[in-house]
Amino acid sequence: MAESIFDFTKFIQDSRQTLQSPKEFFSSMPKKGGFVEPIIKAAVYGLIAGIILFIWSLLHLSAGRGMMGGYMGGSGIMIIISSLIAAIIGLFIGGIIVLIVSAICGGTTDFEANVRVVAALMVLSPVNALLSFTMGLNLYLGSIISVLVALYGIWLLYSALTSALSAKEGSAKIVSIVLAAIPVLFFLSTLLCFKAASSTYRGMEKLQEGISDEQKKAIEDWKTKLEEMKK
């Protein structure tokens, strides 16, 4: 089938439908037509995500604003270019991964169909970038939102497996549950690490305060004894 010219209006409509009605979109999604369309689609998503991340870096609304705020602000073009390149590379790596998942679930192993699914799933890239400013406001809030976006992404993947790639519903459900557990467990482990680090830091502060008080008391006692000796 000949490559079709990229339709930006259709791109916007497809993006909206992917987020709002994933099952309907993936049921009617074309699985053939060449790789030009999914590559452009992934590139546009990557470009939009990069621009959003660049804006947040200028406003110092990022998780690493304290350590890397200046660096990120000074390399804005690189943020955009890196996001664009990562999107294109991720399209084909993701296509292989989804193909393997589809094969496990008894779905199609046609590479182009899986690449087109990944291109559609990349609609979450700008969404994730848009919400990433919450990491700069509060690390816990940002982490929770990131997990929620990841879980919604897994729901989109499940819809794609069952509606576009003809995967077995039961197998797709099991795989989706396993995949959903990964970001949740990662978040919980990170949360526990932060709590442990905070408790250790508070304990060290109290210990330091205790040592300082004892040192002050020892100095005062020494001064008192020195005054008594002078008498």
Protein backbone atom coordinates (compact mmCIF):
# COMPACT_ATOMS: atom_id res chain seq x y z
CA MET A 1 0.00 0.00 0.00
CA ALA A 2 1.38 3.41 -0.86
CA GLU A 3 2.53 5.79 1.84
CA SER A 4 -0.13 8.40 2.60
CA ILE A 5 0.58 12.07 3.28
CA PHE A 6 0.50 12.90 6.98
CA ASP A 7 -2.79 14.54 7.93
CA PHE A 8 -2.29 16.84 10.94
CA THR A 9 -6.03 17.33 11.48
CA LYS A 10 -6.51 13.57 11.64
CA PHE A 11 -3.50 13.39 13.97
CA ILE A 12 -5.25 15.68 16.47
CA GLN A 13 -8.53 13.76 16.17
CA ASP A 14 -6.76 10.42 16.63
CA SER A 15 -4.87 11.73 19.66
CA ARG A 16 -8.08 12.88 21.31
CA GLN A 17 -9.85 9.61 20.54
CA THR A 18 -6.91 7.54 21.83
CA LEU A 19 -7.14 9.26 25.20
CA GLN A 20 -10.92 9.44 25.44
CA SER A 21 -12.11 6.27 23.65
CA PRO A 22 -9.13 3.92 23.31
CA LYS A 23 -11.13 0.80 22.45
CA GLU A 24 -12.99 2.55 19.64
CA PHE A 25 -9.79 4.03 18.25
CA PHE A 26 -7.76 0.81 18.30
CA SER A 27 -10.67 -1.15 16.83
CA SER A 28 -10.68 1.04 13.72
CA MET A 29 -6.96 1.88 13.63
CA PRO A 30 -5.31 1.10 10.26
CA LYS A 31 -2.58 -1.51 10.67
CA LYS A 32 -1.00 -1.04 7.24
CA GLY A 33 0.17 1.91 5.18
CA GLY A 34 3.91 2.09 5.73
CA PHE A 35 6.18 3.42 8.45
CA VAL A 36 6.22 7.09 7.45
CA GLU A 37 2.99 7.95 9.28
CA PRO A 38 3.92 6.35 12.65
CA ILE A 39 7.43 7.86 12.47
CA ILE A 40 6.03 11.36 11.90
CA LYS A 41 3.44 10.76 14.62
CA ALA A 42 6.11 9.72 17.14
CA ALA A 43 8.32 12.66 16.11
CA VAL A 44 5.49 15.16 16.64
CA TYR A 45 4.70 13.72 20.07
CA GLY A 46 8.39 13.83 20.99
CA LEU A 47 8.72 17.40 19.75
CA ILE A 48 5.70 18.57 21.75
CA ALA A 49 6.95 16.79 24.87
CA GLY A 50 10.41 18.33 24.43
CA ILE A 51 9.01 21.85 24.08
CA ILE A 52 6.91 21.40 27.23
CA LEU A 53 9.90 20.08 29.19
CA PHE A 54 11.97 23.01 27.95
CA ILE A 55 9.35 25.48 29.20
CA TRP A 56 9.22 23.78 32.62
CA SER A 57 13.03 23.90 32.83
CA LEU A 58 13.00 27.65 32.15
CA LEU A 59 10.43 28.08 34.92
CA HIS A 60 12.51 25.80 37.20
CA LEU A 61 9.56 23.43 37.51
CA SER A 62 11.39 20.13 37.45
CA ALA A 63 12.42 17.51 39.99
CA GLY A 64 16.08 18.41 39.64
CA ARG A 65 15.70 22.19 39.68
CA GLY A 66 17.95 22.53 42.71
CA MET A 67 20.82 20.53 41.22
CA MET A 68 20.35 20.93 37.47
CA GLY A 69 18.11 23.95 37.03
CA GLY A 70 20.84 26.10 35.48
CA TYR A 71 22.16 23.34 33.29
CA MET A 72 18.74 22.34 31.96
CA GLY A 73 17.80 25.95 31.31
CA GLY A 74 21.02 26.49 29.34
CA SER A 75 20.56 23.41 27.16
CA GLY A 76 16.98 23.99 26.04
CA ILE A 77 17.59 23.08 22.41
CA MET A 78 19.21 19.82 23.51
CA ILE A 79 16.14 18.98 25.61
CA ILE A 80 13.94 19.31 22.54
CA ILE A 81 16.32 17.46 20.21
CA SER A 82 16.88 14.65 22.74
CA SER A 83 13.13 14.22 23.20
CA LEU A 84 12.65 14.07 19.43
CA ILE A 85 15.41 11.49 18.90
CA ALA A 86 14.27 9.41 21.89
CA ALA A 87 10.72 9.32 20.49
CA ILE A 88 11.85 7.96 17.11
CA ILE A 89 14.22 5.39 18.61
CA GLY A 90 11.62 4.46 21.23
CA LEU A 91 9.06 3.88 18.48
CA PHE A 92 10.95 0.91 17.06
CA ILE A 93 12.22 -0.43 20.39
CA GLY A 94 8.67 -0.18 21.71
CA GLY A 95 7.42 -1.90 18.57
CA ILE A 96 9.63 -4.90 19.30
CA ILE A 97 8.54 -5.00 22.96
CA VAL A 98 4.83 -4.75 22.12
CA LEU A 99 5.29 -7.40 19.42
CA ILE A 100 6.73 -9.77 22.05
CA VAL A 101 3.87 -8.97 24.45
CA SER A 102 1.35 -9.47 21.64
CA ALA A 103 2.92 -12.84 20.77
CA ILE A 104 2.71 -13.92 24.43
CA CYS A 105 -0.96 -12.98 24.44
CA GLY A 106 -1.68 -14.80 21.17
CA GLY A 107 -1.99 -11.61 19.12
CA THR A 108 -0.53 -10.50 15.80
CA THR A 109 3.22 -10.47 15.29
CA ASP A 110 3.17 -8.12 12.32
CA PHE A 111 5.88 -5.55 13.07
CA GLU A 112 4.20 -2.63 11.31
CA ALA A 113 0.94 -3.13 13.21
CA ASN A 114 2.82 -3.15 16.52
CA VAL A 115 4.82 -0.05 15.57
CA ARG A 116 1.58 1.76 14.72
CA VAL A 117 0.19 0.80 18.13
CA VAL A 118 3.30 2.20 19.85
CA ALA A 119 3.01 5.44 17.85
CA ALA A 120 -0.57 5.80 19.10
CA LEU A 121 0.48 5.05 22.70
CA MET A 122 3.05 7.84 22.50
CA VAL A 123 0.18 10.30 22.92
CA LEU A 124 1.00 10.01 26.62
CA SER A 125 4.45 11.57 26.09
CA PRO A 126 3.16 15.18 25.92
CA VAL A 127 0.68 14.41 28.72
CA ASN A 128 3.45 13.11 30.96
CA ALA A 129 5.64 16.10 30.09
CA LEU A 130 2.79 18.51 30.80
CA LEU A 131 2.18 17.03 34.25
CA SER A 132 5.88 16.70 35.09
CA PHE A 133 5.90 20.20 36.63
CA THR A 134 4.29 18.62 39.71
CA MET A 135 7.65 16.95 40.44
CA GLY A 136 9.09 20.42 40.91
CA LEU A 137 6.28 21.42 43.25
CA ASN A 138 6.21 18.30 45.39
CA LEU A 139 8.14 15.09 44.80
CA TYR A 140 5.43 12.87 46.32
CA LEU A 141 2.64 14.52 44.31
CA GLY A 142 4.68 14.28 41.12
CA SER A 143 5.47 10.61 41.76
CA ILE A 144 1.80 9.76 42.34
CA ILE A 145 0.78 11.53 39.12
CA SER A 146 3.54 9.72 37.19
CA VAL A 147 2.25 6.38 38.48
CA LEU A 148 -1.32 7.27 37.47
CA VAL A 149 -0.17 8.21 33.96
CA ALA A 150 1.78 4.94 33.72
CA LEU A 151 -1.28 2.95 34.81
CA TYR A 152 -3.43 4.70 32.22
CA GLY A 153 -0.77 3.87 29.64
CA ILE A 154 -1.07 0.20 30.56
CA TRP A 155 -4.85 0.45 30.12
CA LEU A 156 -4.25 1.90 26.65
CA LEU A 157 -1.87 -0.98 25.91
CA TYR A 158 -4.50 -3.50 27.05
CA SER A 159 -7.05 -1.84 24.77
CA ALA A 160 -4.58 -1.97 21.88
CA LEU A 161 -3.74 -5.64 22.48
CA THR A 162 -7.36 -6.75 22.53
CA SER A 163 -8.82 -4.35 19.95
CA ALA A 164 -6.04 -3.80 17.40
CA LEU A 165 -3.66 -6.75 17.76
CA SER A 166 -6.27 -9.51 18.28
CA ALA A 167 -4.69 -10.72 21.52
CA LYS A 168 -6.53 -13.09 23.84
CA GLU A 169 -8.39 -11.04 26.42
CA GLY A 170 -7.49 -13.27 29.37
CA SER A 171 -3.78 -13.31 28.56
CA ALA A 172 -3.75 -9.57 27.87
CA LYS A 173 -5.43 -8.94 31.22
CA ILE A 174 -2.83 -11.00 33.12
CA VAL A 175 0.08 -9.30 31.34
CA SER A 176 -1.46 -5.88 31.99
CA ILE A 177 -1.84 -6.61 35.71
CA VAL A 178 1.80 -7.72 35.91
CA LEU A 179 2.93 -4.59 34.08
CA ALA A 180 0.74 -2.40 36.30
CA ALA A 181 2.40 -3.80 39.40
CA ILE A 182 5.83 -2.56 38.26
CA PRO A 183 5.28 1.24 38.59
CA VAL A 184 3.25 0.74 41.78
CA LEU A 185 5.97 -1.34 43.43
CA PHE A 186 8.63 1.08 42.23
CA PHE A 187 6.70 4.01 43.73
CA LEU A 188 6.20 2.22 47.05
CA SER A 189 9.87 1.24 47.28
CA THR A 190 10.91 4.81 46.45
CA LEU A 191 8.50 6.15 49.06
CA LEU A 192 9.95 3.82 51.71
CA CYS A 193 13.49 4.88 50.77
CA PHE A 194 12.55 8.55 51.10
CA LYS A 195 10.95 7.93 54.50
CA ALA A 196 13.98 5.99 55.71
CA ALA A 197 16.32 8.72 54.49
CA SER A 198 14.19 11.41 56.16
CA SER A 199 14.12 9.49 59.46
CA THR A 200 17.90 9.02 59.34
CA TYR A 201 18.40 12.71 58.61
CA ARG A 202 16.14 13.76 61.49
CA GLY A 203 17.94 11.33 63.79
CA MET A 204 21.31 12.79 62.81
CA GLU A 205 20.00 16.30 63.44
CA LYS A 206 18.82 15.34 66.92
CA LEU A 207 22.13 13.62 67.62
CA GLN A 208 24.01 16.69 66.47
CA GLU A 209 21.88 18.92 68.66
CA GLY A 210 22.50 16.61 71.62
CA ILE A 211 26.25 16.65 71.09
CA SER A 212 26.27 20.42 70.74
CA ASP A 213 24.38 20.83 74.03
CA GLU A 214 26.79 18.51 75.83
CA GLN A 215 29.75 20.36 74.43
CA LYS A 216 28.26 23.66 75.55
CA LYS A 217 27.65 22.27 79.04
CA ALA A 218 31.21 20.92 79.22
CA ILE A 219 32.61 24.30 78.22
CA GLU A 220 30.49 26.07 80.84
CA ASP A 221 31.63 23.60 83.53
CA TRP A 222 35.24 24.11 82.51
CA LYS A 223 34.84 27.89 82.71
CA THR A 224 33.27 27.61 86.18
CA LYS A 225 36.12 25.43 87.45
CA LEU A 226 38.65 27.84 85.96
CA GLU A 227 37.04 30.75 87.77
CA GLU A 228 37.11 28.79 91.05
CA MET A 229 40.82 28.03 90.59
CA LYS A 230 41.56 31.73 90.07
CA LYS A 231 39.97 32.49 93.43
